[in-house]
N, C-alpha and C. Protein backbone atom coordinates (compact mmCIF):
# COMPACT_ATOMS: atom_id res chain seq x y z
N MET A 1 45.17 -85.23 46.44
CA MET A 1 44.05 -84.53 47.03
C MET A 1 44.02 -84.83 48.52
N ARG A 2 43.73 -83.83 49.29
CA ARG A 2 43.66 -84.03 50.74
C ARG A 2 42.42 -84.84 51.10
N LYS A 3 42.48 -85.50 52.24
CA LYS A 3 41.36 -86.30 52.71
C LYS A 3 40.21 -85.37 53.08
N LEU A 4 39.02 -85.71 52.62
CA LEU A 4 37.84 -84.91 52.92
C LEU A 4 37.25 -85.35 54.25
N GLU A 5 36.95 -84.40 55.07
CA GLU A 5 36.26 -84.68 56.32
C GLU A 5 35.03 -83.80 56.37
N ILE A 6 33.90 -84.42 56.64
CA ILE A 6 32.64 -83.69 56.68
C ILE A 6 32.13 -83.71 58.12
N ASP A 7 31.99 -82.55 58.66
CA ASP A 7 31.52 -82.40 60.03
C ASP A 7 30.01 -82.66 60.06
N GLY A 8 29.55 -83.39 61.04
CA GLY A 8 28.12 -83.67 61.19
C GLY A 8 27.32 -82.43 61.52
N ASP A 9 27.97 -81.38 61.97
CA ASP A 9 27.31 -80.13 62.31
C ASP A 9 27.31 -79.23 61.07
N ILE A 10 26.14 -78.99 60.48
CA ILE A 10 26.03 -78.22 59.25
C ILE A 10 26.55 -76.80 59.40
N THR A 11 26.58 -76.27 60.61
CA THR A 11 27.08 -74.91 60.81
C THR A 11 28.60 -74.83 60.61
N ARG A 12 29.24 -75.96 60.49
CA ARG A 12 30.70 -75.99 60.25
C ARG A 12 31.01 -76.44 58.82
N ALA A 13 30.07 -76.24 57.92
CA ALA A 13 30.25 -76.66 56.53
C ALA A 13 31.38 -75.92 55.86
N GLU A 14 32.05 -76.61 54.95
CA GLU A 14 33.14 -76.01 54.17
C GLU A 14 32.91 -76.31 52.69
N THR A 15 33.48 -75.49 51.85
CA THR A 15 33.41 -75.72 50.41
C THR A 15 34.33 -76.87 50.04
N LEU A 16 33.87 -77.73 49.15
CA LEU A 16 34.71 -78.84 48.69
C LEU A 16 35.87 -78.31 47.85
N PRO A 17 37.01 -78.99 47.89
CA PRO A 17 38.14 -78.57 47.05
C PRO A 17 37.78 -78.67 45.57
N ALA A 18 38.35 -77.81 44.75
CA ALA A 18 38.02 -77.75 43.32
C ALA A 18 38.24 -79.08 42.61
N GLU A 19 39.26 -79.85 43.02
CA GLU A 19 39.55 -81.10 42.30
C GLU A 19 38.41 -82.12 42.40
N VAL A 20 37.54 -81.99 43.39
CA VAL A 20 36.39 -82.89 43.51
C VAL A 20 35.54 -82.81 42.25
N TYR A 21 35.52 -81.65 41.62
CA TYR A 21 34.66 -81.42 40.47
C TYR A 21 35.31 -81.77 39.13
N HIS A 22 36.61 -82.02 39.10
CA HIS A 22 37.23 -82.32 37.81
C HIS A 22 38.23 -83.49 37.83
N ASP A 23 38.50 -84.06 38.98
CA ASP A 23 39.44 -85.17 39.07
C ASP A 23 38.74 -86.48 38.66
N ALA A 24 39.31 -87.20 37.70
CA ALA A 24 38.71 -88.44 37.20
C ALA A 24 38.57 -89.50 38.31
N ARG A 25 39.53 -89.54 39.23
CA ARG A 25 39.44 -90.51 40.33
C ARG A 25 38.27 -90.20 41.24
N CYS A 26 38.01 -88.94 41.49
CA CYS A 26 36.85 -88.55 42.31
C CYS A 26 35.56 -88.97 41.63
N TYR A 27 35.51 -88.76 40.32
CA TYR A 27 34.31 -89.12 39.57
C TYR A 27 34.06 -90.63 39.62
N GLU A 28 35.10 -91.43 39.39
CA GLU A 28 34.96 -92.89 39.43
C GLU A 28 34.50 -93.34 40.82
N ARG A 29 35.06 -92.74 41.84
CA ARG A 29 34.66 -93.07 43.21
C ARG A 29 33.21 -92.70 43.48
N ALA A 30 32.80 -91.55 42.98
CA ALA A 30 31.41 -91.11 43.16
C ALA A 30 30.45 -92.06 42.44
N LYS A 31 30.82 -92.51 41.23
CA LYS A 31 29.96 -93.46 40.51
C LYS A 31 29.76 -94.72 41.33
N GLU A 32 30.84 -95.23 41.91
CA GLU A 32 30.80 -96.48 42.67
C GLU A 32 30.10 -96.30 44.02
N ARG A 33 30.42 -95.25 44.73
CA ARG A 33 29.95 -95.09 46.10
C ARG A 33 28.64 -94.31 46.23
N ILE A 34 28.29 -93.52 45.22
CA ILE A 34 27.07 -92.72 45.32
C ILE A 34 26.02 -93.21 44.33
N PHE A 35 26.33 -93.09 43.03
CA PHE A 35 25.32 -93.37 42.01
C PHE A 35 24.90 -94.83 41.95
N ALA A 36 25.83 -95.77 42.07
CA ALA A 36 25.47 -97.20 42.01
C ALA A 36 24.76 -97.66 43.28
N ARG A 37 24.89 -96.93 44.36
CA ARG A 37 24.32 -97.35 45.64
C ARG A 37 23.06 -96.57 46.03
N SER A 38 22.66 -95.62 45.20
CA SER A 38 21.46 -94.84 45.51
C SER A 38 20.36 -95.14 44.49
N TRP A 39 19.17 -94.76 44.83
CA TRP A 39 18.01 -95.03 43.99
C TRP A 39 17.98 -94.05 42.82
N GLN A 40 17.83 -94.59 41.61
CA GLN A 40 17.84 -93.79 40.40
C GLN A 40 16.49 -93.84 39.70
N PHE A 41 16.00 -92.69 39.31
CA PHE A 41 14.76 -92.58 38.54
C PHE A 41 14.96 -93.26 37.19
N ILE A 42 14.05 -94.16 36.82
CA ILE A 42 14.19 -94.82 35.52
C ILE A 42 13.01 -94.59 34.59
N GLY A 43 12.00 -93.89 35.06
CA GLY A 43 10.92 -93.57 34.14
C GLY A 43 9.58 -93.39 34.81
N ASN A 44 8.72 -92.76 34.07
CA ASN A 44 7.35 -92.56 34.50
C ASN A 44 6.52 -93.48 33.62
N LEU A 45 6.50 -94.76 33.99
CA LEU A 45 5.91 -95.78 33.13
C LEU A 45 4.49 -96.12 33.53
N ALA A 46 3.67 -96.38 32.54
CA ALA A 46 2.32 -96.86 32.78
C ALA A 46 2.40 -98.27 33.34
N GLU A 47 1.36 -98.69 34.00
CA GLU A 47 1.31 -100.06 34.53
C GLU A 47 1.51 -101.04 33.38
N PRO A 48 2.16 -102.16 33.66
CA PRO A 48 2.33 -103.16 32.60
C PRO A 48 0.97 -103.66 32.12
N LYS A 49 0.87 -103.82 30.84
CA LYS A 49 -0.41 -104.22 30.27
C LYS A 49 -0.50 -105.71 29.97
N ALA A 50 0.65 -106.36 29.73
CA ALA A 50 0.59 -107.77 29.36
C ALA A 50 1.90 -108.46 29.69
N PRO A 51 1.81 -109.71 30.11
CA PRO A 51 3.03 -110.49 30.32
C PRO A 51 3.82 -110.60 29.02
N GLY A 52 5.14 -110.58 29.15
CA GLY A 52 6.00 -110.71 27.99
C GLY A 52 6.55 -109.38 27.49
N HIS A 53 6.06 -108.28 28.02
CA HIS A 53 6.55 -106.98 27.59
C HIS A 53 7.94 -106.75 28.18
N VAL A 54 8.90 -106.39 27.33
CA VAL A 54 10.27 -106.12 27.77
C VAL A 54 10.70 -104.74 27.27
N VAL A 55 11.43 -104.02 28.14
CA VAL A 55 11.90 -102.68 27.80
C VAL A 55 13.37 -102.56 28.23
N PRO A 56 14.30 -102.65 27.28
CA PRO A 56 15.71 -102.47 27.62
C PRO A 56 16.02 -100.98 27.79
N PHE A 57 16.96 -100.67 28.66
CA PHE A 57 17.39 -99.28 28.84
C PHE A 57 18.79 -99.27 29.45
N THR A 58 19.42 -98.13 29.41
CA THR A 58 20.74 -97.95 30.02
C THR A 58 20.57 -97.07 31.24
N LEU A 59 21.02 -97.54 32.39
CA LEU A 59 20.92 -96.77 33.62
C LEU A 59 22.00 -95.70 33.64
N LEU A 60 21.58 -94.46 33.78
CA LEU A 60 22.45 -93.29 33.83
C LEU A 60 23.48 -93.27 32.70
N PRO A 61 23.00 -93.09 31.46
CA PRO A 61 23.92 -93.03 30.33
C PRO A 61 24.98 -91.95 30.55
N GLY A 62 26.22 -92.28 30.25
CA GLY A 62 27.31 -91.35 30.43
C GLY A 62 27.89 -91.36 31.84
N CYS A 63 27.24 -92.09 32.73
CA CYS A 63 27.74 -92.19 34.11
C CYS A 63 27.92 -93.67 34.43
N LEU A 64 26.85 -94.36 34.82
CA LEU A 64 26.95 -95.79 35.13
C LEU A 64 26.95 -96.64 33.86
N ASP A 65 26.20 -96.23 32.85
CA ASP A 65 26.11 -96.96 31.57
C ASP A 65 25.80 -98.45 31.78
N GLU A 66 24.90 -98.74 32.69
CA GLU A 66 24.56 -100.13 33.02
C GLU A 66 23.37 -100.60 32.18
N PRO A 67 23.55 -101.62 31.31
CA PRO A 67 22.44 -102.14 30.51
C PRO A 67 21.49 -102.95 31.40
N LEU A 68 20.23 -102.52 31.43
CA LEU A 68 19.20 -103.20 32.22
C LEU A 68 17.99 -103.44 31.34
N VAL A 69 17.08 -104.27 31.83
CA VAL A 69 15.84 -104.53 31.11
C VAL A 69 14.70 -104.70 32.12
N LEU A 70 13.59 -104.02 31.83
CA LEU A 70 12.37 -104.24 32.59
C LEU A 70 11.63 -105.37 31.91
N THR A 71 11.18 -106.35 32.69
CA THR A 71 10.41 -107.44 32.12
C THR A 71 9.07 -107.53 32.83
N CYS A 72 8.07 -107.88 32.09
CA CYS A 72 6.72 -108.01 32.62
C CYS A 72 6.37 -109.50 32.55
N ALA A 73 6.40 -110.14 33.71
CA ALA A 73 6.12 -111.58 33.77
C ALA A 73 4.71 -111.79 34.31
N GLY A 74 4.11 -112.90 33.95
CA GLY A 74 2.75 -113.16 34.39
C GLY A 74 2.57 -114.54 34.97
N LYS A 75 1.33 -114.89 35.25
CA LYS A 75 0.97 -116.18 35.85
C LYS A 75 1.59 -117.36 35.10
N LEU A 76 1.57 -117.30 33.79
CA LEU A 76 2.01 -118.43 33.00
C LEU A 76 3.49 -118.73 33.16
N ASP A 77 4.25 -117.79 33.73
CA ASP A 77 5.68 -118.00 33.90
C ASP A 77 6.01 -118.78 35.15
N GLY A 78 5.01 -119.13 35.96
CA GLY A 78 5.23 -119.93 37.15
C GLY A 78 5.99 -119.20 38.24
N LEU A 79 5.82 -117.90 38.33
CA LEU A 79 6.53 -117.13 39.35
C LEU A 79 5.94 -117.35 40.72
N LYS A 80 6.79 -117.34 41.71
CA LYS A 80 6.36 -117.42 43.10
C LYS A 80 5.86 -116.04 43.51
N PRO A 81 5.28 -115.90 44.71
CA PRO A 81 4.81 -114.60 45.16
C PRO A 81 5.92 -113.55 45.06
N SER A 82 5.50 -112.33 44.86
CA SER A 82 6.42 -111.23 44.63
C SER A 82 7.52 -111.13 45.68
N SER A 83 8.74 -110.95 45.22
CA SER A 83 9.89 -110.76 46.12
C SER A 83 10.13 -109.26 46.27
N SER A 84 11.08 -108.90 47.11
CA SER A 84 11.34 -107.48 47.37
C SER A 84 11.93 -106.76 46.17
N ASP A 85 12.40 -107.49 45.16
CA ASP A 85 12.99 -106.83 44.00
C ASP A 85 12.06 -106.91 42.78
N ALA A 86 10.76 -107.07 43.03
CA ALA A 86 9.79 -107.11 41.95
C ALA A 86 8.54 -106.37 42.39
N LEU A 87 7.82 -105.83 41.42
CA LEU A 87 6.57 -105.15 41.69
C LEU A 87 5.44 -105.97 41.10
N ARG A 88 4.40 -106.22 41.89
CA ARG A 88 3.27 -107.01 41.41
C ARG A 88 2.07 -106.11 41.22
N VAL A 89 1.46 -106.21 40.04
CA VAL A 89 0.24 -105.50 39.72
C VAL A 89 -0.73 -106.54 39.17
N ASP A 90 -1.80 -106.81 39.93
CA ASP A 90 -2.73 -107.87 39.57
C ASP A 90 -1.94 -109.18 39.42
N ASP A 91 -2.01 -109.81 38.25
CA ASP A 91 -1.29 -111.06 38.03
C ASP A 91 0.00 -110.86 37.23
N VAL A 92 0.49 -109.65 37.20
CA VAL A 92 1.68 -109.33 36.43
C VAL A 92 2.77 -108.84 37.37
N GLU A 93 3.99 -109.31 37.15
CA GLU A 93 5.12 -108.92 37.97
C GLU A 93 6.13 -108.17 37.10
N LEU A 94 6.50 -106.97 37.54
CA LEU A 94 7.48 -106.17 36.83
C LEU A 94 8.82 -106.33 37.53
N LEU A 95 9.84 -106.72 36.76
CA LEU A 95 11.18 -106.91 37.33
C LEU A 95 12.19 -106.09 36.54
N CYS A 96 13.30 -105.79 37.19
CA CYS A 96 14.42 -105.14 36.54
C CYS A 96 15.59 -106.11 36.63
N LEU A 97 16.16 -106.44 35.47
CA LEU A 97 17.24 -107.42 35.39
C LEU A 97 18.44 -106.82 34.69
N SER A 98 19.59 -107.41 34.94
CA SER A 98 20.76 -107.08 34.13
C SER A 98 20.45 -107.51 32.70
N ASN A 99 20.81 -106.68 31.75
CA ASN A 99 20.59 -107.01 30.34
C ASN A 99 21.87 -107.50 29.69
N VAL A 100 22.74 -108.11 30.51
CA VAL A 100 24.02 -108.61 30.03
C VAL A 100 24.06 -110.12 30.25
N CYS A 101 24.26 -110.89 29.19
CA CYS A 101 24.30 -112.34 29.31
C CYS A 101 25.42 -112.77 30.25
N THR A 102 25.13 -113.73 31.08
CA THR A 102 26.10 -114.21 32.07
C THR A 102 27.19 -115.07 31.45
N HIS A 103 27.12 -115.31 30.15
CA HIS A 103 28.13 -116.13 29.50
C HIS A 103 29.24 -115.28 28.88
N ARG A 104 28.92 -114.48 27.88
CA ARG A 104 29.95 -113.70 27.18
C ARG A 104 29.71 -112.19 27.24
N GLY A 105 28.72 -111.76 28.02
CA GLY A 105 28.51 -110.33 28.21
C GLY A 105 27.79 -109.61 27.09
N ALA A 106 27.15 -110.32 26.19
CA ALA A 106 26.39 -109.68 25.11
C ALA A 106 25.04 -109.21 25.66
N LEU A 107 24.45 -108.22 24.99
CA LEU A 107 23.11 -107.78 25.38
C LEU A 107 22.13 -108.92 25.13
N VAL A 108 21.18 -109.06 26.02
CA VAL A 108 20.16 -110.11 25.88
C VAL A 108 18.95 -109.57 25.14
N VAL A 109 18.47 -108.40 25.53
CA VAL A 109 17.30 -107.78 24.89
C VAL A 109 17.77 -106.52 24.18
N GLU A 110 17.54 -106.47 22.87
CA GLU A 110 18.05 -105.34 22.09
C GLU A 110 16.99 -104.30 21.76
N GLY A 111 15.72 -104.65 21.92
CA GLY A 111 14.67 -103.68 21.63
C GLY A 111 13.40 -104.00 22.39
N GLU A 112 12.58 -102.98 22.59
CA GLU A 112 11.31 -103.16 23.30
C GLU A 112 10.39 -104.05 22.48
N GLY A 113 9.62 -104.87 23.17
CA GLY A 113 8.66 -105.72 22.48
C GLY A 113 8.00 -106.70 23.42
N HIS A 114 7.39 -107.72 22.83
CA HIS A 114 6.75 -108.79 23.60
C HIS A 114 7.41 -110.11 23.24
N VAL A 115 7.82 -110.85 24.25
CA VAL A 115 8.51 -112.12 24.05
C VAL A 115 8.02 -113.15 25.07
N ARG A 116 8.30 -114.42 24.79
CA ARG A 116 7.99 -115.49 25.75
C ARG A 116 9.20 -115.77 26.64
N GLN A 117 10.39 -115.61 26.08
CA GLN A 117 11.65 -115.83 26.79
C GLN A 117 12.65 -114.78 26.33
N LEU A 118 13.67 -114.59 27.15
CA LEU A 118 14.78 -113.73 26.77
C LEU A 118 15.84 -114.61 26.12
N ARG A 119 16.47 -114.13 25.06
CA ARG A 119 17.45 -114.95 24.35
C ARG A 119 18.66 -114.12 23.96
N CYS A 120 19.83 -114.58 24.36
CA CYS A 120 21.08 -113.95 23.95
C CYS A 120 21.42 -114.43 22.54
N ARG A 121 21.70 -113.50 21.66
CA ARG A 121 21.99 -113.87 20.26
C ARG A 121 23.40 -114.44 20.09
N TYR A 122 24.27 -114.27 21.07
CA TYR A 122 25.65 -114.74 20.91
C TYR A 122 25.73 -116.25 20.85
N HIS A 123 25.26 -116.96 21.88
CA HIS A 123 25.26 -118.43 21.88
C HIS A 123 23.87 -119.03 22.09
N GLY A 124 22.85 -118.21 22.06
CA GLY A 124 21.49 -118.73 22.15
C GLY A 124 21.03 -119.08 23.56
N ARG A 125 21.72 -118.60 24.57
CA ARG A 125 21.23 -118.85 25.94
C ARG A 125 19.84 -118.28 26.09
N ARG A 126 18.98 -119.02 26.77
CA ARG A 126 17.60 -118.58 26.98
C ARG A 126 17.34 -118.40 28.47
N PHE A 127 16.56 -117.37 28.77
CA PHE A 127 16.21 -117.03 30.15
C PHE A 127 14.71 -116.80 30.24
N ALA A 128 14.13 -117.17 31.38
CA ALA A 128 12.72 -116.86 31.64
C ALA A 128 12.60 -115.35 31.87
N LEU A 129 11.39 -114.85 31.85
CA LEU A 129 11.17 -113.41 32.04
C LEU A 129 11.55 -112.94 33.45
N ASP A 130 11.77 -113.88 34.38
CA ASP A 130 12.22 -113.50 35.72
C ASP A 130 13.75 -113.58 35.82
N GLY A 131 14.43 -113.86 34.68
CA GLY A 131 15.89 -113.90 34.64
C GLY A 131 16.49 -115.27 34.88
N LYS A 132 15.67 -116.25 35.24
CA LYS A 132 16.20 -117.58 35.51
C LYS A 132 16.66 -118.24 34.21
N PHE A 133 17.87 -118.82 34.26
CA PHE A 133 18.43 -119.50 33.10
C PHE A 133 17.54 -120.68 32.72
N CYS A 134 17.28 -120.84 31.43
CA CYS A 134 16.45 -121.95 30.95
C CYS A 134 17.26 -122.99 30.17
N SER A 135 18.02 -122.53 29.18
CA SER A 135 18.75 -123.50 28.36
C SER A 135 19.83 -122.81 27.53
N MET A 136 20.72 -123.68 27.00
CA MET A 136 21.73 -123.24 26.05
C MET A 136 21.91 -124.38 25.05
N ALA A 137 21.88 -124.05 23.80
CA ALA A 137 21.98 -125.06 22.75
C ALA A 137 23.23 -125.91 22.91
N GLU A 138 23.07 -127.22 22.71
CA GLU A 138 24.17 -128.19 22.74
C GLU A 138 24.93 -128.22 24.06
N PHE A 139 24.24 -127.96 25.16
CA PHE A 139 24.90 -127.95 26.46
C PHE A 139 24.19 -128.84 27.47
N ASP A 140 23.34 -129.74 27.01
CA ASP A 140 22.65 -130.66 27.92
C ASP A 140 23.64 -131.64 28.52
N GLY A 141 23.43 -131.99 29.78
CA GLY A 141 24.25 -133.00 30.44
C GLY A 141 25.59 -132.53 30.97
N VAL A 142 25.89 -131.25 30.91
CA VAL A 142 27.16 -130.74 31.41
C VAL A 142 27.10 -130.69 32.94
N ALA A 143 28.15 -131.18 33.60
CA ALA A 143 28.19 -131.23 35.06
C ALA A 143 28.13 -129.82 35.65
N ASN A 144 27.40 -129.68 36.75
CA ASN A 144 27.26 -128.43 37.49
C ASN A 144 26.75 -127.28 36.63
N PHE A 145 25.92 -127.61 35.67
CA PHE A 145 25.37 -126.59 34.78
C PHE A 145 23.91 -126.87 34.56
N PRO A 146 23.05 -125.91 34.66
CA PRO A 146 23.35 -124.54 35.04
C PRO A 146 23.38 -124.38 36.56
N SER A 147 23.89 -123.23 36.99
CA SER A 147 23.88 -122.88 38.41
C SER A 147 23.23 -121.50 38.54
N ALA A 148 23.06 -121.05 39.76
CA ALA A 148 22.45 -119.73 39.99
C ALA A 148 23.28 -118.62 39.34
N ARG A 149 24.57 -118.85 39.13
CA ARG A 149 25.42 -117.85 38.47
C ARG A 149 25.03 -117.63 37.02
N ASP A 150 24.29 -118.56 36.46
CA ASP A 150 23.87 -118.44 35.06
C ASP A 150 22.61 -117.59 34.90
N ASP A 151 21.88 -117.35 36.00
CA ASP A 151 20.68 -116.50 35.95
C ASP A 151 21.09 -115.05 35.73
N LEU A 152 20.20 -114.27 35.10
CA LEU A 152 20.44 -112.83 34.99
C LEU A 152 20.22 -112.20 36.36
N PRO A 153 21.16 -111.42 36.85
CA PRO A 153 20.98 -110.80 38.17
C PRO A 153 19.79 -109.84 38.19
N ARG A 154 19.06 -109.86 39.31
CA ARG A 154 17.96 -108.93 39.51
C ARG A 154 18.50 -107.63 40.12
N VAL A 155 17.85 -106.56 39.76
CA VAL A 155 18.19 -105.24 40.27
C VAL A 155 17.01 -104.75 41.11
N ALA A 156 17.30 -104.15 42.25
CA ALA A 156 16.23 -103.65 43.13
C ALA A 156 15.36 -102.66 42.36
N LEU A 157 14.05 -102.83 42.47
CA LEU A 157 13.09 -102.02 41.73
C LEU A 157 11.97 -101.59 42.68
N GLU A 158 11.62 -100.33 42.61
CA GLU A 158 10.54 -99.80 43.45
C GLU A 158 9.70 -98.83 42.63
N ARG A 159 8.45 -98.67 43.06
CA ARG A 159 7.52 -97.75 42.41
C ARG A 159 7.03 -96.75 43.45
N TRP A 160 6.96 -95.50 43.05
CA TRP A 160 6.39 -94.46 43.90
C TRP A 160 5.36 -93.74 43.04
N GLY A 161 4.08 -94.09 43.24
CA GLY A 161 3.05 -93.62 42.32
C GLY A 161 3.33 -94.24 40.96
N PRO A 162 3.32 -93.43 39.90
CA PRO A 162 3.61 -93.97 38.57
C PRO A 162 5.10 -93.97 38.23
N VAL A 163 5.95 -93.60 39.17
CA VAL A 163 7.37 -93.42 38.90
C VAL A 163 8.17 -94.64 39.37
N LEU A 164 9.09 -95.10 38.53
CA LEU A 164 9.92 -96.26 38.85
C LEU A 164 11.35 -95.83 39.19
N PHE A 165 11.94 -96.54 40.17
CA PHE A 165 13.31 -96.32 40.58
C PHE A 165 14.00 -97.68 40.67
N CYS A 166 15.30 -97.71 40.37
CA CYS A 166 16.06 -98.94 40.58
C CYS A 166 17.37 -98.60 41.28
N ASN A 167 18.04 -99.64 41.78
CA ASN A 167 19.25 -99.44 42.55
C ASN A 167 20.13 -100.67 42.36
N LEU A 168 21.37 -100.47 41.89
CA LEU A 168 22.27 -101.58 41.62
C LEU A 168 22.80 -102.24 42.89
N ALA A 169 23.10 -101.45 43.90
CA ALA A 169 23.68 -101.97 45.16
C ALA A 169 23.19 -101.11 46.31
N PRO A 170 21.94 -101.31 46.74
CA PRO A 170 21.32 -100.41 47.71
C PRO A 170 22.12 -100.21 49.00
N ALA A 171 22.38 -98.93 49.31
CA ALA A 171 23.01 -98.57 50.58
C ALA A 171 21.94 -98.26 51.61
N PHE A 172 20.70 -98.07 51.14
CA PHE A 172 19.57 -97.78 52.03
C PHE A 172 18.30 -98.22 51.32
N THR A 173 17.25 -98.43 52.08
CA THR A 173 16.00 -98.90 51.50
C THR A 173 15.29 -97.76 50.78
N PHE A 174 14.40 -98.12 49.90
CA PHE A 174 13.61 -97.12 49.20
C PHE A 174 12.74 -96.36 50.18
N ASP A 175 12.18 -97.06 51.16
CA ASP A 175 11.35 -96.39 52.16
C ASP A 175 12.11 -95.30 52.90
N GLU A 176 13.39 -95.50 53.14
CA GLU A 176 14.20 -94.47 53.79
C GLU A 176 14.31 -93.23 52.91
N LEU A 177 14.24 -93.40 51.60
CA LEU A 177 14.33 -92.29 50.68
C LEU A 177 13.03 -91.48 50.62
N VAL A 178 11.91 -92.16 50.55
CA VAL A 178 10.64 -91.46 50.29
C VAL A 178 9.80 -91.17 51.54
N ARG A 179 10.15 -91.71 52.66
CA ARG A 179 9.33 -91.47 53.86
C ARG A 179 9.95 -90.45 54.75
C-alpha cells in the first residue's frame, strides 16, 4: 500500500485507497493508533449507589476486546482524594480498571455485583476496589513482592452528564474532545 499523506488544507482532500477499508494490517494499525488512543463511549450509567458495586464489560467488542471493570469504591476503602482517572460522587469514587489479573491474565471480575474486594479465581490474588494489590495465598514474605506492577492498571475515565467514556492510552484530554 502506498504511503498515505493527508493535506492540512481540506480543499485538497482525496479519497482513501480501497485497501484501507479491507487490509488487515490497516485495521490492526487503526485499532492501535485510533481506537485505543481515543475516548470511547462505555455507557449511560446512573450514578453509583453504593460502594462495592462492580460492573465488568468488554471495551469495543470485536475491535479492541479489552476486558475492563467499573468499580465503585467508598470511604471505607481508604482512598485518597480523587485522581484524574477516577470520578468522585459524594463519598463514592468510580474507577475503570483492567479486568485482567496481573499474574496469569485471568478475568478478575466475572459478573456484576457487590463485593468488598476483587479476587482472581486462578490463584486467589486479591485487589482493593481501587485496583491496588492486597494479597495472594501462600505468598507472604517473598522478596520484592508485591510491587506496583501487581496492581490492576487504571484506565482513564470521564463523565459527560450521565454518559461515561474511557480511554486506554489517551492521545488527547477529554476536555479537548468535548469543549
